[in-house]
């Protein structure tokens, strides 16, 4: 049981990291807490489902269109909404949450709820690992999460746009003196975050079904992981995903599923009590702000 629980805890860690990495990327670069992140996730899932089942578009083409649509939607939201309120944290939260709420409630209004709304698994096959049955979809999530994090590291260290991302994230004023357009980079960060949300939906949704409520769940989990790890820290997201992922699975196995949320919240409270800025956060501590 211990080995099986550990394997599924690792998979849960990968799922949480995949959910949170796009939100963290956007905040770490632009400083925008994109509360429409969960809506992007659901928007992409419904988009792929619609193209597959209503328009009968080939799977790979449907995925490419959905990811591209998310990228464009993220850029448009920044260009026409966030650009006008950037730097005003409360206004950013209200604006993005309002947009996300509108998108999710629109799907609810049309009644797009039910077990028939789901995405196909990549391969309907299971493997035995250390005596534990694990389906291919979960293994794909584990592998893709690791590849995505590695690709993001390479992108931010070895491409001009990635280096501009790091420059804006580290010191926006200094980056401006070197000719980096902070608004363009911020728009790209929101766009990339939306695109990653689409990829997360592509891998995770086949484990369940599509529902507007999934958008709220993804947003809450992404926030929890980012807050524990430290907003804007990729290393923090990875560490927090391990903490929450293992806490949830071991609690579910050895204590009871109804304690899972309580233990996760307790982990958040414990970390914030010890280090309010998160494990790897760079926000100022309380005594530094007074």
Protein backbone atom coordinates (compact mmCIF):
# COMPACT_ATOMS: atom_id res chain seq x y z
CA UNK A 1 0.00 0.00 0.00
CA UNK A 2 2.84 2.38 0.84
CA UNK A 3 4.46 2.00 -2.59
CA UNK A 4 1.15 2.46 -4.40
CA UNK A 5 0.30 5.52 -2.32
CA UNK A 6 3.71 7.01 -3.04
CA UNK A 7 3.31 6.47 -6.79
CA UNK A 8 -0.09 8.14 -6.84
CA UNK A 9 1.23 10.93 -4.61
CA UNK A 10 3.90 11.63 -7.24
CA UNK A 11 1.23 11.69 -9.93
CA UNK A 12 -0.90 14.04 -7.81
CA UNK A 13 2.18 16.25 -7.40
CA UNK A 14 2.56 16.40 -11.19
CA UNK A 15 -1.13 17.29 -11.62
CA UNK A 16 -0.89 20.14 -9.10
CA UNK A 17 2.31 21.47 -10.67
CA UNK A 18 0.71 21.35 -14.13
CA UNK A 19 -2.33 23.23 -12.82
CA UNK A 20 -0.27 25.92 -11.09
CA UNK A 21 2.69 26.57 -13.39
CA UNK A 22 0.77 28.79 -15.84
CA UNK A 23 -0.71 30.96 -13.08
CA UNK A 24 2.73 31.26 -11.48
CA UNK A 25 4.39 32.18 -14.79
CA UNK A 26 1.98 35.06 -15.36
CA UNK A 27 2.30 36.44 -11.85
CA UNK A 28 6.06 36.00 -11.68
CA UNK A 29 6.63 38.05 -14.83
CA UNK A 30 3.83 40.61 -15.00
CA UNK A 31 2.77 40.72 -11.34
CA UNK A 32 -0.81 40.09 -12.48
CA UNK A 33 -2.77 37.56 -10.39
CA UNK A 34 -4.89 36.14 -13.21
CA UNK A 35 -8.09 34.98 -11.51
CA UNK A 36 -9.50 34.02 -14.92
CA UNK A 37 -6.96 31.18 -15.04
CA UNK A 38 -9.50 28.48 -14.20
CA UNK A 39 -11.84 29.81 -16.90
CA UNK A 40 -9.03 29.49 -19.49
CA UNK A 41 -8.65 25.85 -18.42
CA UNK A 42 -12.35 25.09 -18.90
CA UNK A 43 -12.60 27.20 -22.06
CA UNK A 44 -9.89 25.11 -23.75
CA UNK A 45 -11.48 21.83 -22.60
CA UNK A 46 -14.92 22.76 -23.97
CA UNK A 47 -13.29 24.04 -27.13
CA UNK A 48 -11.52 20.75 -27.80
CA UNK A 49 -14.70 18.79 -26.96
CA UNK A 50 -16.79 20.92 -29.30
CA UNK A 51 -14.36 20.61 -32.20
CA UNK A 52 -14.12 16.83 -31.74
CA UNK A 53 -17.80 16.06 -31.25
CA UNK A 54 -19.67 18.84 -33.06
CA UNK A 55 -17.34 19.84 -35.87
CA UNK A 56 -15.52 16.49 -36.16
CA UNK A 57 -12.14 18.14 -36.50
CA UNK A 58 -9.12 15.78 -36.16
CA UNK A 59 -7.81 15.54 -32.58
CA UNK A 60 -4.37 17.10 -33.07
CA UNK A 61 -5.79 20.00 -35.09
CA UNK A 62 -8.46 20.59 -32.44
CA UNK A 63 -5.77 20.73 -29.75
CA UNK A 64 -3.66 23.21 -31.74
CA UNK A 65 -6.68 25.44 -32.38
CA UNK A 66 -7.70 25.35 -28.69
CA UNK A 67 -4.21 26.25 -27.47
CA UNK A 68 -3.94 29.03 -30.07
CA UNK A 69 -7.39 30.34 -29.08
CA UNK A 70 -6.30 30.48 -25.44
CA UNK A 71 -3.09 32.30 -26.37
CA UNK A 72 -5.07 34.89 -28.35
CA UNK A 73 -7.75 35.24 -25.66
CA UNK A 74 -5.12 35.84 -22.99
CA UNK A 75 -3.41 38.49 -25.10
CA UNK A 76 -6.73 40.24 -25.87
CA UNK A 77 -7.75 40.31 -22.21
CA UNK A 78 -4.46 41.94 -21.31
CA UNK A 79 -4.55 44.39 -24.22
CA UNK A 80 -8.09 45.63 -23.67
CA UNK A 81 -8.63 45.14 -19.93
CA UNK A 82 -5.52 44.53 -17.84
CA UNK A 83 -3.41 47.15 -19.58
CA UNK A 84 -5.74 49.82 -18.19
CA UNK A 85 -5.59 48.62 -14.59
CA UNK A 86 -2.09 47.12 -14.38
CA UNK A 87 -0.35 48.02 -11.16
CA UNK A 88 -3.63 48.28 -9.26
CA UNK A 89 -3.70 44.87 -7.59
CA UNK A 90 -7.32 44.96 -6.43
CA UNK A 91 -8.55 46.13 -9.83
CA UNK A 92 -6.57 43.35 -11.56
CA UNK A 93 -8.13 40.72 -9.29
CA UNK A 94 -11.66 42.08 -9.76
CA UNK A 95 -11.26 42.39 -13.53
CA UNK A 96 -9.81 38.92 -14.09
CA UNK A 97 -12.19 37.25 -11.64
CA UNK A 98 -15.13 38.96 -13.35
CA UNK A 99 -13.98 37.78 -16.78
CA UNK A 100 -13.46 34.25 -15.52
CA UNK A 101 -16.84 34.21 -13.79
CA UNK A 102 -18.56 35.39 -16.98
CA UNK A 103 -16.92 32.65 -19.06
CA UNK A 104 -17.75 29.87 -16.60
CA UNK A 105 -21.32 31.01 -16.01
CA UNK A 106 -21.86 31.22 -19.76
CA UNK A 107 -21.12 27.50 -20.04
CA UNK A 108 -23.48 26.83 -17.13
CA UNK A 109 -26.19 28.91 -18.81
CA UNK A 110 -26.03 26.75 -21.92
CA UNK A 111 -26.23 23.61 -19.78
CA UNK A 112 -22.89 22.17 -20.76
CA UNK A 113 -22.74 19.89 -17.73
CA UNK A 114 -22.68 16.09 -17.62
CA UNK A 115 -20.49 13.03 -17.85
CA UNK A 116 -20.66 13.09 -21.65
CA UNK A 117 -18.48 16.21 -21.66
CA UNK A 118 -15.02 14.74 -21.43
CA UNK A 119 -11.88 14.37 -23.51
CA UNK A 120 -10.41 11.10 -24.81
CA UNK A 121 -7.45 9.53 -23.06
CA UNK A 122 -4.23 9.31 -25.05
CA UNK A 123 -4.06 5.53 -24.73
CA UNK A 124 -6.51 3.18 -23.03
CA UNK A 125 -3.89 1.06 -21.34
CA UNK A 126 -2.55 0.43 -17.85
CA UNK A 127 0.85 -0.68 -16.56
CA UNK A 128 1.96 -2.45 -13.40
CA UNK A 129 4.63 -0.47 -11.54
CA UNK A 130 5.92 -2.01 -8.30
CA UNK A 131 2.73 -4.02 -8.04
CA UNK A 132 0.49 -0.97 -8.62
CA UNK A 133 -1.76 -0.48 -11.63
CA UNK A 134 -1.22 2.94 -13.23
CA UNK A 135 -3.01 4.05 -16.38
CA UNK A 136 -1.11 5.61 -19.27
CA UNK A 137 -2.87 8.98 -18.91
CA UNK A 138 -1.45 9.52 -15.42
CA UNK A 139 2.00 8.49 -16.56
CA UNK A 140 1.66 10.97 -19.44
CA UNK A 141 0.83 13.73 -16.95
CA UNK A 142 3.88 12.83 -14.87
CA UNK A 143 6.16 12.90 -17.90
CA UNK A 144 4.68 16.02 -19.47
CA UNK A 145 4.89 18.02 -16.23
CA UNK A 146 8.61 17.26 -15.97
CA UNK A 147 9.18 18.11 -19.65
CA UNK A 148 7.16 21.34 -19.40
CA UNK A 149 9.13 22.59 -16.39
CA UNK A 150 12.42 21.73 -18.12
CA UNK A 151 11.30 23.49 -21.32
CA UNK A 152 10.25 26.60 -19.40
CA UNK A 153 13.66 26.70 -17.71
CA UNK A 154 15.40 26.40 -21.09
CA UNK A 155 13.09 29.00 -22.63
CA UNK A 156 13.73 31.58 -19.89
CA UNK A 157 17.50 31.04 -19.96
CA UNK A 158 18.28 30.60 -23.65
CA UNK A 159 15.83 32.68 -25.72
CA UNK A 160 15.57 36.43 -26.16
CA UNK A 161 11.92 36.55 -25.07
CA UNK A 162 12.69 34.30 -22.11
CA UNK A 163 15.57 36.54 -21.03
CA UNK A 164 13.25 39.54 -21.36
CA UNK A 165 10.79 37.68 -19.13
CA UNK A 166 13.49 37.25 -16.50
CA UNK A 167 14.60 40.85 -16.84
CA UNK A 168 11.09 42.22 -16.24
CA UNK A 169 10.54 39.78 -13.37
CA UNK A 170 13.80 40.77 -11.64
CA UNK A 171 13.73 44.54 -12.09
CA UNK A 172 11.20 46.15 -14.41
CA UNK A 173 12.68 49.67 -14.25
CA UNK A 174 16.16 48.48 -15.16
CA UNK A 175 14.72 46.32 -17.95
CA UNK A 176 12.94 49.37 -19.36
CA UNK A 177 16.26 51.21 -19.63
CA UNK A 178 17.51 48.39 -21.87
CA UNK A 179 14.60 48.88 -24.23
CA UNK A 180 12.41 46.00 -23.07
CA UNK A 181 8.73 46.79 -23.55
CA UNK A 182 7.21 45.77 -20.21
CA UNK A 183 3.61 45.88 -21.48
CA UNK A 184 4.43 43.60 -24.41
CA UNK A 185 6.22 41.15 -22.10
CA UNK A 186 3.35 41.26 -19.60
CA UNK A 187 0.87 40.57 -22.40
CA UNK A 188 2.95 37.60 -23.53
CA UNK A 189 3.09 36.28 -19.97
CA UNK A 190 -0.71 36.35 -19.64
CA UNK A 191 -0.99 34.74 -23.07
CA UNK A 192 1.53 32.00 -22.27
CA UNK A 193 -0.18 31.33 -18.95
CA UNK A 194 -3.49 30.84 -20.78
CA UNK A 195 -1.80 28.50 -23.26
CA UNK A 196 -0.36 26.40 -20.43
CA UNK A 197 -3.84 26.22 -18.88
CA UNK A 198 -5.06 24.72 -22.16
CA UNK A 199 -2.30 22.11 -22.11
CA UNK A 200 -3.12 21.27 -18.48
CA UNK A 201 -6.77 20.70 -19.45
CA UNK A 202 -5.72 18.48 -22.35
CA UNK A 203 -3.84 16.14 -20.01
CA UNK A 204 -5.96 16.29 -16.83
CA UNK A 205 -9.58 16.46 -18.07
CA UNK A 206 -9.54 12.89 -19.52
CA UNK A 207 -9.30 11.64 -15.90
CA UNK A 208 -12.77 13.09 -15.24
CA UNK A 209 -15.27 15.27 -17.03
CA UNK A 210 -15.61 18.90 -18.08
CA UNK A 211 -17.74 21.17 -15.88
CA UNK A 212 -17.76 24.92 -15.15
CA UNK A 213 -17.02 24.10 -11.51
CA UNK A 214 -13.68 22.65 -12.58
CA UNK A 215 -12.54 26.19 -13.32
CA UNK A 216 -13.00 27.22 -9.68
CA UNK A 217 -11.27 24.05 -8.43
CA UNK A 218 -8.25 24.61 -10.68
CA UNK A 219 -7.98 28.26 -9.63
CA UNK A 220 -8.13 27.36 -5.92
CA UNK A 221 -5.52 24.61 -6.27
CA UNK A 222 -3.23 26.84 -8.33
CA UNK A 223 -3.52 29.60 -5.73
CA UNK A 224 -2.86 27.16 -2.88
CA UNK A 225 0.28 25.78 -4.51
CA UNK A 226 1.59 29.23 -5.48
CA UNK A 227 0.90 30.70 -2.04
CA UNK A 228 2.68 27.85 -0.24
CA UNK A 229 5.63 27.88 -2.63
CA UNK A 230 5.83 31.66 -2.93
CA UNK A 231 4.14 33.62 -5.69
CA UNK A 232 6.38 33.90 -8.73
CA UNK A 233 8.82 31.13 -7.73
CA UNK A 234 9.00 28.10 -10.02
CA UNK A 235 11.04 26.18 -7.44
CA UNK A 236 8.40 27.09 -4.89
CA UNK A 237 5.64 25.69 -7.11
CA UNK A 238 7.50 22.39 -7.43
CA UNK A 239 8.17 22.14 -3.68
CA UNK A 240 4.59 23.11 -2.78
CA UNK A 241 3.19 20.60 -5.28
CA UNK A 242 5.14 17.87 -3.50
CA UNK A 243 3.91 19.00 -0.09
CA UNK A 244 0.24 19.25 -1.04
CA UNK A 245 0.33 16.27 -3.42
CA UNK A 246 1.76 13.89 -0.83
CA UNK A 247 -0.36 15.31 1.99
CA UNK A 248 -3.56 14.72 0.01
CA UNK A 249 -2.80 11.17 -1.09
CA UNK A 250 -1.44 9.91 2.24
CA UNK A 251 -4.36 11.49 4.08
CA UNK A 252 -6.81 9.93 1.66
CA UNK A 253 -5.23 6.47 2.12
CA UNK A 254 -4.47 6.36 5.84
CA UNK A 255 -6.95 8.77 7.45
CA UNK A 256 -9.92 9.26 5.15
CA UNK A 257 -10.90 11.18 2.02
CA UNK A 258 -13.03 13.65 4.03
CA UNK A 259 -9.84 14.85 5.77
CA UNK A 260 -7.98 15.59 2.53
CA UNK A 261 -9.08 19.21 2.19
CA UNK A 262 -8.53 19.87 5.90
CA UNK A 263 -4.96 18.59 5.79
CA UNK A 264 -4.25 20.64 2.64
CA UNK A 265 -5.57 23.80 4.30
CA UNK A 266 -3.56 23.01 7.43
CA UNK A 267 -0.42 22.76 5.29
CA UNK A 268 -1.17 26.20 3.83
CA UNK A 269 -1.73 27.73 7.27
CA UNK A 270 1.42 26.12 8.68
CA UNK A 271 3.65 27.42 5.89
CA UNK A 272 2.14 30.90 5.98
CA UNK A 273 2.49 31.05 9.76
CA UNK A 274 6.17 30.16 9.59
CA UNK A 275 6.97 32.10 6.40
CA UNK A 276 4.18 34.45 5.23
CA UNK A 277 5.79 35.01 1.81
CA UNK A 278 5.79 31.28 1.07
CA UNK A 279 8.66 28.80 0.98
CA UNK A 280 10.59 30.56 -1.78
CA UNK A 281 8.67 33.83 -1.94
CA UNK A 282 10.44 37.16 -2.30
CA UNK A 283 7.66 39.36 -0.95
CA UNK A 284 8.65 41.38 2.09
CA UNK A 285 7.95 39.94 5.50
CA UNK A 286 5.64 41.80 7.87
CA UNK A 287 8.43 43.37 9.94
CA UNK A 288 10.04 44.68 6.75
CA UNK A 289 6.83 46.35 5.60
CA UNK A 290 6.10 48.28 8.79
